[in-house]
């Protein structure tokens, strides 16, 4: 790492970012509402607008398709308003889908729906024993799995996911209840590392969402990471999706938008303010499908 952070940033900005074709699983928020509270963002007394949630979700869907990405859909089920947050429905690498096991009973019935979808769509399913909430708490950075704990997925699930995928797992502890899933505090900026991608995949993260041990790990492993401000984190700026060039983010994360442009990425702004009432943003609504038969 350069001793001069400004010089390092300027050098990084000269890198030409390469867009990678991605395949995502999404779910229309036809039954979206906030009727219970399992995170600090959910206030059942606050009215929600399902029609607005649908329009905002459609904008995200359209953005992905306009960028050339492939979208698969899982049918929304009545009584499961949080199914729209498909990132929690599993973790998929090389055609293997590690299924979810939700912490809260309100979401428990989502698990068999996602597992059945994977099985019906050409994925090898690894049934979970431990409590885990899929790509909400597991992020693939190069060949390494960053795994979150503290609020939802248990530490034992970190061992289990490592056994399923035979990859290094780095455990990180979240400490702020607003950022209860790892994907609210870390964004993977480069989905492909190595052949056809970047030499070393990079991330953006919110330092104050983690305990001191985890912050030290992130500083050491990702010295060139974008460190996002508390203000941008608080509007779910890090709950974003990247294809290696285009980074879909909240329009309210102004500082993060500028940081991405400095590094040569192209921010694409999509407002999911209504779905944030349920504690989810862009990445929450986006499950990466890596591999499979299609």
Protein backbone atom coordinates (compact mmCIF):
# COMPACT_ATOMS: atom_id res chain seq x y z
CA UNK A 1 0.00 0.00 0.00
CA UNK A 2 1.28 3.47 -0.84
CA UNK A 3 2.32 5.61 2.11
CA UNK A 4 0.33 8.38 0.49
CA UNK A 5 -3.40 7.49 0.49
CA UNK A 6 -4.17 10.28 -2.00
CA UNK A 7 -1.61 8.92 -4.43
CA UNK A 8 -3.02 5.40 -4.01
CA UNK A 9 -6.51 6.64 -4.78
CA UNK A 10 -5.38 8.58 -7.83
CA UNK A 11 -3.53 5.52 -9.10
CA UNK A 12 -6.58 3.30 -8.58
CA UNK A 13 -8.75 5.72 -10.53
CA UNK A 14 -6.70 5.04 -13.68
CA UNK A 15 -7.80 1.40 -13.64
CA UNK A 16 -10.38 0.64 -16.31
CA UNK A 17 -13.25 -1.18 -14.61
CA UNK A 18 -14.61 -4.22 -16.43
CA UNK A 19 -18.28 -5.09 -16.25
CA UNK A 20 -19.03 -8.73 -15.42
CA UNK A 21 -22.24 -10.47 -16.46
CA UNK A 22 -24.21 -11.39 -13.35
CA UNK A 23 -27.19 -13.61 -12.58
CA UNK A 24 -29.48 -12.66 -9.72
CA UNK A 25 -32.50 -14.04 -7.88
CA UNK A 26 -35.22 -11.54 -7.00
CA UNK A 27 -38.77 -11.61 -5.60
CA UNK A 28 -41.52 -9.13 -6.30
CA UNK A 29 -42.72 -7.41 -3.08
CA UNK A 30 -46.39 -8.14 -3.76
CA UNK A 31 -47.05 -8.77 -0.07
CA UNK A 32 -44.65 -6.21 1.35
CA UNK A 33 -45.68 -4.60 4.61
CA UNK A 34 -44.23 -4.10 8.07
CA UNK A 35 -46.44 -6.01 10.48
CA UNK A 36 -43.75 -7.01 12.99
CA UNK A 37 -40.35 -5.74 14.12
CA UNK A 38 -37.20 -7.86 13.96
CA UNK A 39 -34.71 -5.05 13.29
CA UNK A 40 -34.43 -1.36 14.28
CA UNK A 41 -35.73 -0.16 10.91
CA UNK A 42 -39.10 -1.90 11.22
CA UNK A 43 -41.86 0.13 12.88
CA UNK A 44 -45.27 -1.52 12.41
CA UNK A 45 -47.01 1.72 13.42
CA UNK A 46 -45.56 3.46 10.37
CA UNK A 47 -47.70 3.01 7.24
CA UNK A 48 -46.14 1.25 4.26
CA UNK A 49 -47.09 1.62 0.62
CA UNK A 50 -46.95 -1.73 -1.18
CA UNK A 51 -47.58 -0.12 -4.58
CA UNK A 52 -44.64 2.23 -4.09
CA UNK A 53 -42.45 -0.68 -2.96
CA UNK A 54 -43.38 -2.52 -6.15
CA UNK A 55 -42.52 0.48 -8.34
CA UNK A 56 -39.16 0.97 -6.65
CA UNK A 57 -38.38 -2.74 -6.86
CA UNK A 58 -39.30 -2.70 -10.57
CA UNK A 59 -36.84 0.13 -11.08
CA UNK A 60 -34.08 -2.03 -9.60
CA UNK A 61 -35.14 -5.00 -11.74
CA UNK A 62 -35.17 -2.81 -14.87
CA UNK A 63 -31.75 -1.39 -14.02
CA UNK A 64 -30.24 -4.86 -13.84
CA UNK A 65 -31.80 -5.95 -17.13
CA UNK A 66 -30.75 -2.72 -18.87
CA UNK A 67 -27.19 -3.40 -17.75
CA UNK A 68 -27.43 -6.84 -19.38
CA UNK A 69 -27.75 -8.98 -16.27
CA UNK A 70 -29.90 -12.08 -15.98
CA UNK A 71 -32.74 -12.14 -13.45
CA UNK A 72 -34.49 -15.20 -12.06
CA UNK A 73 -37.66 -14.80 -9.99
CA UNK A 74 -39.00 -16.71 -7.01
CA UNK A 75 -42.75 -16.47 -6.41
CA UNK A 76 -43.73 -14.29 -3.45
CA UNK A 77 -45.81 -16.08 -0.82
CA UNK A 78 -48.63 -14.47 1.11
CA UNK A 79 -47.81 -14.00 4.77
CA UNK A 80 -44.07 -13.75 4.08
CA UNK A 81 -43.54 -10.02 3.46
CA UNK A 82 -39.75 -10.25 3.77
CA UNK A 83 -39.29 -12.66 0.86
CA UNK A 84 -38.42 -9.63 -1.24
CA UNK A 85 -35.06 -9.67 0.58
CA UNK A 86 -33.80 -12.62 -1.42
CA UNK A 87 -30.17 -12.16 -0.35
CA UNK A 88 -31.14 -13.87 2.91
CA UNK A 89 -32.47 -16.89 1.03
CA UNK A 90 -29.15 -18.67 0.52
CA UNK A 91 -25.51 -18.45 -0.49
CA UNK A 92 -24.54 -19.83 -3.89
CA UNK A 93 -21.11 -20.69 -5.27
CA UNK A 94 -20.31 -22.94 -8.26
CA UNK A 95 -23.86 -24.25 -8.51
CA UNK A 96 -24.09 -25.23 -4.84
CA UNK A 97 -26.74 -23.46 -2.77
CA UNK A 98 -26.25 -23.38 1.00
CA UNK A 99 -29.79 -22.92 2.30
CA UNK A 100 -30.92 -20.49 4.99
CA UNK A 101 -32.10 -21.12 8.52
CA UNK A 102 -33.65 -17.93 9.83
CA UNK A 103 -33.20 -16.72 13.39
CA UNK A 104 -36.72 -15.32 13.76
CA UNK A 105 -39.89 -17.40 13.44
CA UNK A 106 -41.49 -14.64 11.34
CA UNK A 107 -39.17 -15.57 8.47
CA UNK A 108 -38.76 -19.31 9.13
CA UNK A 109 -41.19 -20.39 6.40
CA UNK A 110 -39.13 -18.62 3.75
CA UNK A 111 -36.38 -21.24 4.09
CA UNK A 112 -38.20 -24.19 2.47
CA UNK A 113 -39.45 -21.92 -0.33
CA UNK A 114 -35.90 -20.90 -1.24
CA UNK A 115 -34.49 -24.41 -0.84
CA UNK A 116 -37.24 -25.81 -3.09
CA UNK A 117 -36.51 -23.13 -5.69
CA UNK A 118 -32.81 -23.99 -5.75
CA UNK A 119 -33.55 -27.70 -6.12
CA UNK A 120 -36.02 -27.05 -8.95
CA UNK A 121 -33.61 -24.79 -10.82
CA UNK A 122 -30.54 -26.94 -11.16
CA UNK A 123 -28.62 -26.18 -7.98
CA UNK A 124 -27.14 -28.71 -5.61
CA UNK A 125 -28.65 -27.91 -2.21
CA UNK A 126 -26.68 -28.03 1.02
CA UNK A 127 -29.23 -28.14 3.84
CA UNK A 128 -28.18 -26.01 6.81
CA UNK A 129 -27.91 -27.19 10.40
CA UNK A 130 -26.81 -23.85 11.83
CA UNK A 131 -28.70 -20.56 11.94
CA UNK A 132 -27.66 -18.47 8.94
CA UNK A 133 -29.26 -15.83 6.74
CA UNK A 134 -27.55 -16.49 3.47
CA UNK A 135 -25.81 -13.79 1.52
CA UNK A 136 -26.99 -11.30 4.08
CA UNK A 137 -24.11 -12.53 6.25
CA UNK A 138 -21.84 -14.29 3.73
CA UNK A 139 -19.99 -12.30 1.08
CA UNK A 140 -17.62 -13.81 -1.47
CA UNK A 141 -14.52 -11.68 -2.04
CA UNK A 142 -12.22 -13.44 -4.45
CA UNK A 143 -11.83 -16.94 -3.00
CA UNK A 144 -12.52 -15.84 0.56
CA UNK A 145 -15.88 -15.85 2.34
CA UNK A 146 -16.39 -12.93 4.69
CA UNK A 147 -18.88 -14.07 7.31
CA UNK A 148 -20.84 -11.86 9.69
CA UNK A 149 -22.14 -12.62 13.15
CA UNK A 150 -23.47 -10.66 16.09
CA UNK A 151 -27.17 -10.38 15.31
CA UNK A 152 -28.40 -13.08 12.90
CA UNK A 153 -26.09 -15.82 11.62
CA UNK A 154 -24.29 -17.75 14.35
CA UNK A 155 -20.57 -18.38 14.58
CA UNK A 156 -21.19 -22.09 14.02
CA UNK A 157 -22.62 -21.28 10.60
CA UNK A 158 -19.20 -19.87 9.67
CA UNK A 159 -17.66 -23.29 10.22
CA UNK A 160 -20.51 -24.92 8.31
CA UNK A 161 -20.29 -22.64 5.28
CA UNK A 162 -16.54 -23.24 5.16
CA UNK A 163 -17.13 -26.99 5.12
CA UNK A 164 -19.77 -26.72 2.38
CA UNK A 165 -17.59 -24.68 0.03
CA UNK A 166 -14.06 -25.68 1.16
CA UNK A 167 -12.97 -22.06 1.26
CA UNK A 168 -11.33 -19.77 3.76
CA UNK A 169 -13.88 -18.09 6.02
CA UNK A 170 -13.07 -14.84 7.81
CA UNK A 171 -15.41 -14.13 10.73
CA UNK A 172 -16.41 -10.53 11.41
CA UNK A 173 -18.51 -9.30 14.32
CA UNK A 174 -21.18 -6.64 13.84
CA UNK A 175 -21.90 -4.43 16.86
CA UNK A 176 -24.45 -1.83 15.71
CA UNK A 177 -28.02 -3.25 15.58
CA UNK A 178 -28.87 -1.01 12.61
CA UNK A 179 -26.35 -3.03 10.60
CA UNK A 180 -27.55 -6.47 11.57
CA UNK A 181 -26.43 -8.24 8.38
CA UNK A 182 -22.95 -8.12 6.90
CA UNK A 183 -24.27 -6.84 3.57
CA UNK A 184 -25.44 -3.63 5.26
CA UNK A 185 -21.87 -2.81 6.30
CA UNK A 186 -19.72 -4.22 3.47
CA UNK A 187 -20.11 -3.93 -0.29
CA UNK A 188 -18.13 -6.22 -2.61
CA UNK A 189 -16.98 -4.00 -5.45
CA UNK A 190 -15.35 -6.65 -7.65
CA UNK A 191 -17.33 -9.86 -8.22
CA UNK A 192 -14.57 -11.58 -10.20
CA UNK A 193 -10.96 -11.97 -9.05
CA UNK A 194 -8.30 -13.48 -11.25
CA UNK A 195 -8.82 -14.53 -14.88
CA UNK A 196 -11.23 -12.13 -16.56
CA UNK A 197 -11.47 -9.92 -13.49
CA UNK A 198 -9.29 -7.82 -11.24
CA UNK A 199 -6.02 -8.94 -9.68
CA UNK A 200 -7.38 -8.46 -6.17
CA UNK A 201 -11.07 -7.93 -5.39
CA UNK A 202 -11.79 -4.88 -3.29
CA UNK A 203 -14.56 -3.86 -0.91
CA UNK A 204 -16.16 -0.82 0.68
CA UNK A 205 -17.10 -0.93 4.34
CA UNK A 206 -18.38 0.98 7.34
CA UNK A 207 -15.70 0.72 10.06
CA UNK A 208 -17.96 1.69 12.97
CA UNK A 209 -20.33 -1.21 12.29
CA UNK A 210 -17.68 -3.68 13.53
CA UNK A 211 -15.83 -4.48 16.73
CA UNK A 212 -12.15 -3.52 17.00
CA UNK A 213 -10.88 -7.00 16.08
CA UNK A 214 -12.92 -7.05 12.89
CA UNK A 215 -11.84 -3.54 11.96
CA UNK A 216 -8.20 -4.61 12.31
CA UNK A 217 -8.82 -7.63 10.06
CA UNK A 218 -10.44 -5.46 7.39
CA UNK A 219 -7.64 -2.88 7.52
CA UNK A 220 -5.01 -5.57 7.09
CA UNK A 221 -6.73 -7.56 4.36
CA UNK A 222 -8.15 -4.66 2.36
CA UNK A 223 -5.79 -1.69 2.76
CA UNK A 224 -7.20 -0.04 -0.37
CA UNK A 225 -10.85 -0.49 0.61
CA UNK A 226 -13.24 2.43 0.45
CA UNK A 227 -14.10 3.39 4.00
CA UNK A 228 -17.59 4.82 4.00
CA UNK A 229 -18.84 7.52 6.34
CA UNK A 230 -21.39 6.91 9.07
CA UNK A 231 -23.80 9.21 7.22
CA UNK A 232 -23.65 7.11 4.05
CA UNK A 233 -23.87 3.88 6.03
CA UNK A 234 -26.97 5.10 7.82
CA UNK A 235 -28.87 5.41 4.51
CA UNK A 236 -27.87 1.84 3.55
CA UNK A 237 -25.28 3.12 1.09
CA UNK A 238 -23.27 -0.08 1.47
CA UNK A 239 -26.25 -2.32 0.79
CA UNK A 240 -25.34 -2.19 -2.87
CA UNK A 241 -24.64 -4.48 -5.83
CA UNK A 242 -21.67 -4.25 -8.18
CA UNK A 243 -20.86 -5.90 -11.50
CA UNK A 244 -17.27 -4.72 -11.34
CA UNK A 245 -17.97 -1.48 -13.16
CA UNK A 246 -21.49 -0.35 -12.30
CA UNK A 247 -22.31 -0.07 -8.60
CA UNK A 248 -26.01 0.24 -7.84
CA UNK A 249 -26.40 2.37 -4.72
CA UNK A 250 -28.86 4.53 -2.80
CA UNK A 251 -29.13 8.07 -4.19
CA UNK A 252 -28.80 9.37 -0.63
CA UNK A 253 -25.25 8.02 -0.23
CA UNK A 254 -23.62 11.10 -1.75
CA UNK A 255 -20.19 10.65 -0.22
CA UNK A 256 -19.99 7.01 -1.28
CA UNK A 257 -21.07 7.99 -4.79
CA UNK A 258 -18.14 10.41 -5.02
CA UNK A 259 -15.71 7.82 -3.61
CA UNK A 260 -16.79 5.28 -6.23
CA UNK A 261 -16.28 7.76 -9.06
CA UNK A 262 -12.77 8.52 -7.76
CA UNK A 263 -11.92 4.83 -8.05
CA UNK A 264 -13.24 4.53 -11.60
CA UNK A 265 -16.55 2.80 -10.82
CA UNK A 266 -19.85 4.07 -12.24
CA UNK A 267 -22.47 4.66 -9.53
CA UNK A 268 -26.02 3.87 -10.63
CA UNK A 269 -28.63 5.40 -8.34
CA UNK A 270 -31.78 3.46 -7.42
CA UNK A 271 -34.13 4.57 -4.66
CA UNK A 272 -35.55 1.78 -2.49
CA UNK A 273 -36.68 4.04 0.35
CA UNK A 274 -39.96 2.17 0.86
CA UNK A 275 -38.25 -1.20 1.21
CA UNK A 276 -35.85 0.34 3.70
CA UNK A 277 -38.84 0.52 6.06
CA UNK A 278 -38.44 -3.25 6.32
CA UNK A 279 -34.71 -2.96 6.90
CA UNK A 280 -33.56 -3.85 3.40
CA UNK A 281 -32.02 -2.14 0.41
CA UNK A 282 -30.55 -2.93 -2.99
CA UNK A 283 -28.32 -5.83 -1.99
CA UNK A 284 -30.98 -7.29 0.32
CA UNK A 285 -33.22 -7.64 -2.74
CA UNK A 286 -30.46 -9.29 -4.79
CA UNK A 287 -29.15 -12.84 -4.38
CA UNK A 288 -26.16 -13.70 -6.55
CA UNK A 289 -26.51 -16.99 -8.43
CA UNK A 290 -23.03 -18.30 -9.18
CA UNK A 291 -22.98 -21.36 -11.41
CA UNK A 292 -25.88 -23.76 -11.88
CA UNK A 293 -27.12 -25.47 -14.99
CA UNK A 294 -28.56 -22.54 -16.89
